[in-house]
C-alpha atoms as a PDB file:
ATOM      1  CA  MET A   1    -106.985  52.158  32.324  1.00  0.00           C
ATOM      2  CA  GLU A   2    -103.737  52.180  34.169  1.00  0.00           C
ATOM      3  CA  ASN A   3    -101.872  49.015  35.035  1.00  0.00           C
ATOM      4  CA  ASN A   4    -103.769  48.286  38.270  1.00  0.00           C
ATOM      5  CA  THR A   5    -104.734  44.736  37.321  1.00  0.00           C
ATOM      6  CA  MET A   6    -102.192  43.284  39.719  1.00  0.00           C
ATOM      7  CA  PHE A   7    -103.728  45.201  42.621  1.00  0.00           C
ATOM      8  CA  TYR A   8    -107.237  44.040  41.705  1.00  0.00           C
ATOM      9  CA  VAL A   9    -106.078  40.423  41.627  1.00  0.00           C
ATOM     10  CA  LEU A  10    -104.246  40.762  44.950  1.00  0.00           C
ATOM     11  CA  GLY A  11    -107.289  42.431  46.494  1.00  0.00           C
ATOM     12  CA  GLY A  12    -109.485  39.552  45.340  1.00  0.00           C
ATOM     13  CA  VAL A  13    -107.080  36.983  46.766  1.00  0.00           C
ATOM     14  CA  VAL A  14    -106.959  38.821  50.104  1.00  0.00           C
ATOM     15  CA  ALA A  15    -110.759  39.026  50.221  1.00  0.00           C
ATOM     16  CA  ILE A  16    -111.083  35.278  49.556  1.00  0.00           C
ATOM     17  CA  TYR A  17    -108.422  34.551  52.192  1.00  0.00           C
ATOM     18  CA  LEU A  18    -110.254  36.619  54.811  1.00  0.00           C
ATOM     19  CA  PHE A  19    -113.565  34.953  53.965  1.00  0.00           C
ATOM     20  CA  VAL A  20    -112.090  31.455  54.305  1.00  0.00           C
ATOM     21  CA  THR A  21    -110.299  32.202  57.582  1.00  0.00           C
ATOM     22  CA  MET A  22    -113.439  33.715  59.106  1.00  0.00           C
ATOM     23  CA  ARG A  23    -115.448  30.626  58.156  1.00  0.00           C
ATOM     24  CA  ASN A  24    -112.783  28.324  59.591  1.00  0.00           C
ATOM     25  CA  ARG A  25    -112.753  30.237  62.866  1.00  0.00           C
ATOM     26  CA  GLN A  26    -116.525  29.906  63.153  1.00  0.00           C
ATOM     27  CA  LYS A  27    -116.361  26.157  62.451  1.00  0.00           C
ATOM     28  CA  SER A  28    -113.595  25.803  65.037  1.00  0.00           C
ATOM     29  CA  LYS A  29    -115.681  27.604  67.660  1.00  0.00           C
ATOM     30  CA  ASP A  30    -118.627  25.332  66.854  1.00  0.00           C
ATOM     31  CA  ARG A  31    -116.446  22.255  67.349  1.00  0.00           C
ATOM     32  CA  LYS A  32    -115.121  23.533  70.673  1.00  0.00           C
ATOM     33  CA  SER A  33    -118.561  24.404  71.989  1.00  0.00           C
ATOM     34  CA  LYS A  34    -120.526  21.862  73.987  1.00  0.00           C
ATOM     35  CA  LYS A  35    -123.529  22.082  71.695  1.00  0.00           C
ATOM     36  CA  PHE A  36    -121.523  20.469  68.875  1.00  0.00           C
ATOM     37  CA  MET A  37    -121.805  16.977  70.363  1.00  0.00           C
ATOM     38  CA  SER A  38    -124.746  17.491  72.679  1.00  0.00           C
ATOM     39  CA  ASP A  39    -126.688  14.563  71.186  1.00  0.00           C
ATOM     40  CA  TYR A  40    -123.722  12.191  71.176  1.00  0.00           C
ATOM     41  CA  ASN A  41    -124.046   9.070  73.288  1.00  0.00           C
ATOM     42  CA  ARG A  42    -120.820   7.207  73.879  1.00  0.00           C
ATOM     43  CA  LYS A  43    -120.951   3.469  73.353  1.00  0.00           C
ATOM     44  CA  ASN A  44    -119.843   1.518  76.375  1.00  0.00           C
ATOM     45  CA  LYS A  45    -117.070  -0.981  75.816  1.00  0.00           C
ATOM     46  CA  LYS A  46    -118.013  -4.517  76.722  1.00  0.00           C
ATOM     47  CA  LEU A  47    -116.002  -5.812  79.627  1.00  0.00           C
ATOM     48  CA  ASP A  48    -115.561  -9.584  79.404  1.00  0.00           C
END
């Protein structure tokens, strides 16, 4: 086996990075969409 261990490790790190960024983008889109807080009812402040 040649000394390709460094490339395997870097490839694994890049794959994990891409996976995490794709998940974060999906979560961000879910937060920005209106369906995220569709069941939320805002509490009215009491005016004295």
